[in-house]
Amino acid sequence: MRVLVTAGPTREYLDPVRFLSNGSSGQMGLAVARAAVTAGHEVTLLLGPVTARAPSGCEIIPFVSVDDLREALARGFDACDALIMTAAVGDFRPERVSPTKLPRSGGPVTLRLVPTEDLLAGVCRRKRGGQVVVAFAVQDPPEDRAAELARAELAAKCADYVVVNTPAAMGTADSRACILSPDGETLPWADRPKEDLAEEIVGLLGPPV
């Protein structure tokens, strides 16, 4: 199968040197890409700005901003058999970006943030029969409420599965997570190494074709 994996955070710049981002280390997406390569899939990895080394055996396409990732998805989604959307896409961007560095001597700065585009919803509108889409949702506990919110997101975006985890998973080697499908719980809540969770996720795709 041709598997498209997204990993890492996005950055939205305030000025040429400062940006808004999040705590994603990309470890989950890198583990998924590694597991997919090991399973024999043809993998393209859309990789945000991370310090961890990408696995060998896959094509790597870098991105920085939400717009960069949107363009990369637009180019790659139609040709893939499965999309695993682990990237931590920023929900907001500055309404205005300064073309020059904002000086501290200029005093307080007020930022107005506007929502970014829902990338997964956008690509899922083009989803064809047979494509598999695995979404990720970061939800605050308690777990039953987190799962309820993730199920609503799963239905709204027409994904096949959603991996639900909590903010505590960001930047760590382990993740407390579950996997949901429209039919119910595919993998129960548990603390797992991200490498183990990645194998469970790749297993949802079935054997390479």
Protein backbone atom coordinates (compact mmCIF):
# COMPACT_ATOMS: atom_id res chain seq x y z
CA MET A 1 0.00 0.00 0.00
CA ARG A 2 1.04 3.58 -0.58
CA VAL A 3 0.89 5.14 2.87
CA LEU A 4 1.05 8.88 3.52
CA VAL A 5 2.10 9.81 7.07
CA THR A 6 2.21 13.29 8.57
CA ALA A 7 4.36 14.00 11.62
CA GLY A 8 5.55 16.83 13.82
CA PRO A 9 4.29 20.32 14.64
CA THR A 10 3.48 23.30 12.47
CA ARG A 11 4.88 26.80 12.92
CA GLU A 12 3.04 30.05 12.25
CA TYR A 13 5.37 33.03 12.23
CA LEU A 14 4.66 36.32 14.04
CA ASP A 15 7.68 37.99 12.47
CA PRO A 16 10.83 36.71 10.72
CA VAL A 17 12.21 35.11 13.91
CA ARG A 18 9.26 34.29 16.21
CA PHE A 19 6.50 31.76 15.73
CA LEU A 20 3.56 29.98 17.35
CA SER A 21 3.92 26.22 17.62
CA ASN A 22 3.17 23.33 19.98
CA GLY A 23 5.01 20.67 21.95
CA SER A 24 4.90 17.89 19.36
CA SER A 25 8.23 16.09 18.96
CA GLY A 26 7.07 14.07 15.95
CA GLN A 27 7.90 10.80 17.75
CA MET A 28 4.48 9.28 17.11
CA GLY A 29 4.53 9.99 13.39
CA LEU A 30 8.11 8.82 13.02
CA ALA A 31 7.20 5.59 14.81
CA VAL A 32 4.23 5.10 12.47
CA ALA A 33 6.38 5.71 9.39
CA ARG A 34 8.99 3.24 10.68
CA ALA A 35 6.34 0.61 11.42
CA ALA A 36 4.77 1.06 7.98
CA VAL A 37 8.13 0.65 6.24
CA THR A 38 8.87 -2.46 8.32
CA ALA A 39 5.48 -3.89 7.37
CA GLY A 40 6.37 -3.53 3.69
CA HIS A 41 4.32 -0.46 2.75
CA GLU A 42 5.50 2.28 0.39
CA VAL A 43 5.72 5.29 2.70
CA THR A 44 5.81 9.03 2.11
CA LEU A 45 6.46 11.05 5.27
CA LEU A 46 5.37 14.68 5.46
CA LEU A 47 7.63 15.90 8.25
CA GLY A 48 7.41 19.11 10.25
CA PRO A 49 10.28 20.87 12.05
CA VAL A 50 11.59 18.23 14.47
CA THR A 51 15.02 17.27 15.75
CA ALA A 52 14.48 13.50 15.75
CA ARG A 53 15.93 11.52 12.88
CA ALA A 54 13.48 10.27 10.25
CA PRO A 55 13.44 6.53 9.50
CA SER A 56 15.14 5.23 6.39
CA GLY A 57 13.18 3.61 3.61
CA CYS A 58 10.59 6.33 3.05
CA GLU A 59 10.30 9.47 0.97
CA ILE A 60 10.50 12.57 3.16
CA ILE A 61 8.77 15.85 2.28
CA PRO A 62 9.35 18.67 4.78
CA PHE A 63 6.78 21.27 5.84
CA VAL A 64 6.75 24.18 8.28
CA SER A 65 3.40 25.97 8.26
CA VAL A 66 -0.19 24.81 8.01
CA ASP A 67 -0.24 26.12 4.44
CA ASP A 68 2.88 24.08 3.62
CA LEU A 69 1.22 20.94 4.95
CA ARG A 70 -2.02 21.69 3.12
CA GLU A 71 -0.14 21.95 -0.17
CA ALA A 72 1.79 18.73 0.48
CA LEU A 73 -1.45 16.89 1.29
CA ALA A 74 -3.08 18.28 -1.83
CA ARG A 75 -0.25 16.83 -3.91
CA GLY A 76 -0.06 13.46 -2.18
CA PHE A 77 -3.50 12.45 -0.94
CA ASP A 78 -5.11 11.33 -4.20
CA ALA A 79 -2.27 8.90 -4.95
CA CYS A 80 -2.15 7.26 -1.52
CA ASP A 81 -4.07 4.23 -0.30
CA ALA A 82 -3.94 5.34 3.33
CA LEU A 83 -3.37 8.58 5.23
CA ILE A 84 -2.22 8.50 8.85
CA MET A 85 -2.54 12.07 10.13
CA THR A 86 -0.34 12.21 13.24
CA ALA A 87 0.91 15.78 12.69
CA ALA A 88 0.02 18.28 15.42
CA VAL A 89 -1.51 20.94 13.20
CA GLY A 90 -1.77 24.35 14.86
CA ASP A 91 -5.34 25.56 15.38
CA PHE A 92 -4.51 29.27 15.20
CA ARG A 93 -2.26 31.68 13.31
CA PRO A 94 -1.57 35.40 13.77
CA GLU A 95 -3.98 37.54 11.82
CA ARG A 96 -1.07 39.76 10.81
CA VAL A 97 2.59 38.90 10.33
CA SER A 98 5.22 41.59 10.79
CA PRO A 99 7.70 41.76 7.88
CA THR A 100 10.42 42.84 10.33
CA LYS A 101 11.42 41.68 13.80
CA LEU A 102 9.18 43.16 16.47
CA PRO A 103 11.45 45.16 18.83
CA ARG A 104 11.06 44.69 22.57
CA SER A 105 11.64 48.40 22.96
CA GLY A 106 8.40 48.97 21.09
CA GLY A 107 6.43 47.97 24.18
CA PRO A 108 3.57 45.47 24.61
CA VAL A 109 2.31 43.62 21.56
CA THR A 110 -1.29 42.50 21.16
CA LEU A 111 -1.83 39.47 18.95
CA ARG A 112 -5.11 38.60 17.29
CA LEU A 113 -5.23 34.90 16.40
CA VAL A 114 -7.50 33.44 13.74
CA PRO A 115 -8.35 29.75 13.20
CA THR A 116 -6.36 27.76 10.68
CA GLU A 117 -7.93 25.53 8.04
CA ASP A 118 -9.12 22.06 9.08
CA LEU A 119 -6.76 20.11 6.84
CA LEU A 120 -8.13 16.64 7.50
CA ALA A 121 -11.71 17.69 6.78
CA GLY A 122 -10.49 19.21 3.53
CA VAL A 123 -8.76 16.10 2.23
CA CYS A 124 -11.52 13.77 3.41
CA ARG A 125 -13.95 15.55 1.13
CA ARG A 126 -11.90 14.05 -1.71
CA LYS A 127 -11.64 10.60 -0.17
CA ARG A 128 -12.30 7.82 -2.66
CA GLY A 129 -13.60 4.35 -2.04
CA GLY A 130 -10.97 2.06 -0.58
CA GLN A 131 -8.81 4.81 0.93
CA VAL A 132 -8.19 4.49 4.66
CA VAL A 133 -7.87 7.62 6.81
CA VAL A 134 -6.58 7.47 10.38
CA ALA A 135 -7.12 10.70 12.31
CA PHE A 136 -5.56 11.78 15.60
CA ALA A 137 -7.33 13.72 18.34
CA VAL A 138 -5.70 15.29 21.38
CA GLN A 139 -8.38 15.64 24.04
CA ASP A 140 -8.21 16.53 27.71
CA PRO A 141 -9.32 13.85 30.18
CA PRO A 142 -11.57 12.35 31.50
CA GLU A 143 -11.30 9.50 29.04
CA ASP A 144 -15.03 8.96 28.46
CA ARG A 145 -15.49 12.63 27.57
CA ALA A 146 -12.37 12.57 25.37
CA ALA A 147 -13.71 9.57 23.48
CA GLU A 148 -17.11 11.23 23.03
CA LEU A 149 -15.53 14.32 21.50
CA ALA A 150 -13.30 12.20 19.28
CA ARG A 151 -16.25 10.18 18.00
CA ALA A 152 -17.95 13.40 16.94
CA GLU A 153 -14.78 14.44 15.12
CA LEU A 154 -14.54 11.01 13.47
CA ALA A 155 -18.06 11.33 12.08
CA ALA A 156 -17.64 14.94 10.98
CA LYS A 157 -14.46 14.23 9.03
CA CYS A 158 -15.52 10.84 7.59
CA ALA A 159 -12.30 9.21 8.79
CA ASP A 160 -12.10 5.45 9.29
CA TYR A 161 -10.33 5.52 12.64
CA VAL A 162 -9.32 8.10 15.22
CA VAL A 163 -6.46 7.67 17.69
CA VAL A 164 -7.39 9.53 20.86
CA ASN A 165 -4.67 10.65 23.26
CA THR A 166 -4.11 13.42 25.77
CA PRO A 167 -1.80 16.46 25.88
CA ALA A 168 0.52 14.47 28.18
CA ALA A 169 1.63 12.42 25.15
CA MET A 170 3.38 15.37 23.52
CA GLY A 171 7.15 15.09 23.61
CA THR A 172 7.18 11.75 25.41
CA ALA A 173 8.09 8.19 24.39
CA ASP A 174 4.79 6.75 25.66
CA SER A 175 1.17 7.55 24.98
CA ARG A 176 -2.04 6.82 26.82
CA ALA A 177 -4.43 6.33 23.93
CA CYS A 178 -7.29 4.40 22.44
CA ILE A 179 -8.41 3.83 18.84
CA LEU A 180 -12.02 4.32 17.79
CA SER A 181 -13.86 3.41 14.61
CA PRO A 182 -17.45 4.18 13.61
CA ASP A 183 -18.36 0.75 15.01
CA GLY A 184 -16.87 1.38 18.45
CA GLU A 185 -13.59 0.89 20.27
CA THR A 186 -10.89 -0.82 18.20
CA LEU A 187 -8.12 -0.55 20.80
CA PRO A 188 -8.84 0.18 24.48
CA TRP A 189 -7.27 2.91 26.57
CA ALA A 190 -3.83 1.95 27.89
CA ASP A 191 -0.37 3.35 28.43
CA ARG A 192 1.86 2.10 25.61
CA PRO A 193 5.24 2.93 24.09
CA LYS A 194 4.62 4.91 20.92
CA GLU A 195 6.43 2.22 18.94
CA ASP A 196 3.82 -0.33 20.10
CA LEU A 197 0.94 2.04 19.36
CA ALA A 198 2.40 2.65 15.90
CA GLU A 199 2.32 -1.08 15.14
CA GLU A 200 -1.33 -1.21 16.19
CA ILE A 201 -2.13 1.72 13.90
CA VAL A 202 -0.32 0.26 10.90
CA GLY A 203 -2.06 -3.06 11.56
CA LEU A 204 -5.39 -1.35 10.83
CA LEU A 205 -4.34 -1.01 7.18
CA GLY A 206 -4.04 -4.72 6.53
CA PRO A 207 -1.23 -6.39 4.56
CA PRO A 208 0.70 -4.50 1.85
CA VAL A 209 -0.81 -4.84 -1.59
